Amino acid sequence: MGKQISINYQAVEEALNTLAASITALETKAVDFEGEKGLTTIHKILDINVKLASIAGEYQKLLEMNVSATREAIKSMKTTDEDIAQKVRKEHG
């Protein structure tokens, strides 16, 4: 036969769990510089900090969507693999 594609489902799931835990731990809140807001530099830093927090939050959402999509793809591949294996067994059984 031709080349075989093997997926280690457990390794993929472990990697996805690690990624999901990292996503949860990602800090997405802006730092507050109370009392220093009168300075121009601090205003600029605060603005950048808020934008960075927003970007980090969006990145976190994208990563979560990626984890979910990967889990669905792996689930589909596993189901397809099992269906094919069952059909092959019936044909050769």
C-alpha atoms as a PDB file:
ATOM      1  CA  MET A   1       0.000   0.000   0.000  1.00  0.00           C
ATOM      2  CA  GLY A   2       0.931   3.646  -0.123  1.00  0.00           C
ATOM      3  CA  LYS A   3       2.067   5.849   2.686  1.00  0.00           C
ATOM      4  CA  GLN A   4       0.072   5.773   5.887  1.00  0.00           C
ATOM      5  CA  ILE A   5      -0.862   8.833   7.898  1.00  0.00           C
ATOM      6  CA  SER A   6      -0.887   8.157  11.615  1.00  0.00           C
ATOM      7  CA  ILE A   7      -2.314  10.542  14.180  1.00  0.00           C
ATOM      8  CA  ASN A   8      -1.416  10.159  17.816  1.00  0.00           C
ATOM      9  CA  TYR A   9      -4.739  11.369  19.184  1.00  0.00           C
ATOM     10  CA  GLN A  10      -3.567  11.341  22.785  1.00  0.00           C
ATOM     11  CA  ALA A  11      -0.527  13.500  21.988  1.00  0.00           C
ATOM     12  CA  VAL A  12      -2.677  15.961  20.048  1.00  0.00           C
ATOM     13  CA  GLU A  13      -5.204  16.176  22.889  1.00  0.00           C
ATOM     14  CA  GLU A  14      -2.403  16.716  25.442  1.00  0.00           C
ATOM     15  CA  ALA A  15      -0.930  19.505  23.298  1.00  0.00           C
ATOM     16  CA  LEU A  16      -4.352  21.124  22.944  1.00  0.00           C
ATOM     17  CA  ASN A  17      -4.904  20.918  26.715  1.00  0.00           C
ATOM     18  CA  THR A  18      -1.527  22.585  27.317  1.00  0.00           C
ATOM     19  CA  LEU A  19      -2.375  25.325  24.817  1.00  0.00           C
ATOM     20  CA  ALA A  20      -5.821  25.822  26.348  1.00  0.00           C
ATOM     21  CA  ALA A  21      -4.256  26.202  29.810  1.00  0.00           C
ATOM     22  CA  SER A  22      -1.770  28.738  28.438  1.00  0.00           C
ATOM     23  CA  ILE A  23      -4.589  30.699  26.813  1.00  0.00           C
ATOM     24  CA  THR A  24      -6.421  30.871  30.127  1.00  0.00           C
ATOM     25  CA  ALA A  25      -3.276  32.101  31.878  1.00  0.00           C
ATOM     26  CA  LEU A  26      -2.681  34.843  29.284  1.00  0.00           C
ATOM     27  CA  GLU A  27      -2.951  38.233  31.007  1.00  0.00           C
ATOM     28  CA  THR A  28      -5.197  40.572  29.015  1.00  0.00           C
ATOM     29  CA  LYS A  29      -5.786  43.427  31.449  1.00  0.00           C
ATOM     30  CA  ALA A  30      -4.236  46.869  31.176  1.00  0.00           C
ATOM     31  CA  VAL A  31      -2.028  48.079  34.021  1.00  0.00           C
ATOM     32  CA  ASP A  32      -3.468  51.025  35.943  1.00  0.00           C
ATOM     33  CA  PHE A  33      -1.133  53.949  36.721  1.00  0.00           C
ATOM     34  CA  GLU A  34      -3.376  55.827  39.162  1.00  0.00           C
ATOM     35  CA  GLY A  35      -2.030  59.171  40.323  1.00  0.00           C
ATOM     36  CA  GLU A  36       0.339  59.554  37.362  1.00  0.00           C
ATOM     37  CA  LYS A  37      -2.236  60.316  34.667  1.00  0.00           C
ATOM     38  CA  GLY A  38      -1.354  64.013  34.390  1.00  0.00           C
ATOM     39  CA  LEU A  39       1.890  63.331  32.544  1.00  0.00           C
ATOM     40  CA  THR A  40       1.915  63.110  28.752  1.00  0.00           C
ATOM     41  CA  THR A  41       4.227  60.097  28.737  1.00  0.00           C
ATOM     42  CA  ILE A  42       1.977  58.223  31.129  1.00  0.00           C
ATOM     43  CA  HIS A  43      -1.029  58.987  28.900  1.00  0.00           C
ATOM     44  CA  LYS A  44       0.806  57.524  25.932  1.00  0.00           C
ATOM     45  CA  ILE A  45       1.839  54.448  27.920  1.00  0.00           C
ATOM     46  CA  LEU A  46      -1.726  53.977  29.149  1.00  0.00           C
ATOM     47  CA  ASP A  47      -3.072  54.235  25.609  1.00  0.00           C
ATOM     48  CA  ILE A  48      -0.548  51.688  24.334  1.00  0.00           C
ATOM     49  CA  ASN A  49      -1.263  49.461  27.329  1.00  0.00           C
ATOM     50  CA  VAL A  50      -5.017  49.502  26.677  1.00  0.00           C
ATOM     51  CA  LYS A  51      -4.477  48.723  22.981  1.00  0.00           C
ATOM     52  CA  LEU A  52      -2.097  45.902  23.869  1.00  0.00           C
ATOM     53  CA  ALA A  53      -4.625  44.449  26.318  1.00  0.00           C
ATOM     54  CA  SER A  54      -7.285  44.578  23.600  1.00  0.00           C
ATOM     55  CA  ILE A  55      -5.003  42.856  21.091  1.00  0.00           C
ATOM     56  CA  ALA A  56      -4.066  40.221  23.672  1.00  0.00           C
ATOM     57  CA  GLY A  57      -7.762  39.574  24.339  1.00  0.00           C
ATOM     58  CA  GLU A  58      -8.468  39.153  20.623  1.00  0.00           C
ATOM     59  CA  TYR A  59      -5.445  36.858  20.279  1.00  0.00           C
ATOM     60  CA  GLN A  60      -6.728  34.803  23.200  1.00  0.00           C
ATOM     61  CA  LYS A  61     -10.119  34.433  21.481  1.00  0.00           C
ATOM     62  CA  LEU A  62      -8.437  33.369  18.231  1.00  0.00           C
ATOM     63  CA  LEU A  63      -6.350  30.774  20.052  1.00  0.00           C
ATOM     64  CA  GLU A  64      -9.454  29.404  21.773  1.00  0.00           C
ATOM     65  CA  MET A  65     -11.216  29.174  18.405  1.00  0.00           C
ATOM     66  CA  ASN A  66      -8.173  27.406  16.957  1.00  0.00           C
ATOM     67  CA  VAL A  67      -8.131  24.864  19.795  1.00  0.00           C
ATOM     68  CA  SER A  68     -11.840  24.207  19.270  1.00  0.00           C
ATOM     69  CA  ALA A  69     -11.474  23.850  15.491  1.00  0.00           C
ATOM     70  CA  THR A  70      -8.493  21.523  15.919  1.00  0.00           C
ATOM     71  CA  ARG A  71     -10.430  19.345  18.366  1.00  0.00           C
ATOM     72  CA  GLU A  72     -13.327  19.127  15.894  1.00  0.00           C
ATOM     73  CA  ALA A  73     -10.966  18.271  13.015  1.00  0.00           C
ATOM     74  CA  ILE A  74      -9.251  15.555  15.053  1.00  0.00           C
ATOM     75  CA  LYS A  75     -12.628  14.172  16.125  1.00  0.00           C
ATOM     76  CA  SER A  76     -13.723  14.059  12.488  1.00  0.00           C
ATOM     77  CA  MET A  77     -10.454  12.414  11.394  1.00  0.00           C
ATOM     78  CA  LYS A  78     -10.778   9.797  14.120  1.00  0.00           C
ATOM     79  CA  THR A  79     -14.365   9.018  13.130  1.00  0.00           C
ATOM     80  CA  THR A  80     -13.376   8.759   9.471  1.00  0.00           C
ATOM     81  CA  ASP A  81     -10.410   6.556  10.358  1.00  0.00           C
ATOM     82  CA  GLU A  82     -12.630   4.246  12.406  1.00  0.00           C
ATOM     83  CA  ASP A  83     -15.240   4.077   9.618  1.00  0.00           C
ATOM     84  CA  ILE A  84     -12.607   3.187   7.031  1.00  0.00           C
ATOM     85  CA  ALA A  85     -11.071   0.574   9.311  1.00  0.00           C
ATOM     86  CA  GLN A  86     -14.491  -0.999   9.869  1.00  0.00           C
ATOM     87  CA  LYS A  87     -15.188  -1.122   6.119  1.00  0.00           C
ATOM     88  CA  VAL A  88     -11.778  -2.675   5.433  1.00  0.00           C
ATOM     89  CA  ARG A  89     -12.396  -5.314   8.109  1.00  0.00           C
ATOM     90  CA  LYS A  90     -15.792  -6.141   6.563  1.00  0.00           C
ATOM     91  CA  GLU A  91     -14.255  -6.463   3.098  1.00  0.00           C
ATOM     92  CA  HIS A  92     -11.370  -8.653   4.301  1.00  0.00           C
ATOM     93  CA  GLY A  93     -13.133 -10.333   7.185  1.00  0.00           C
END
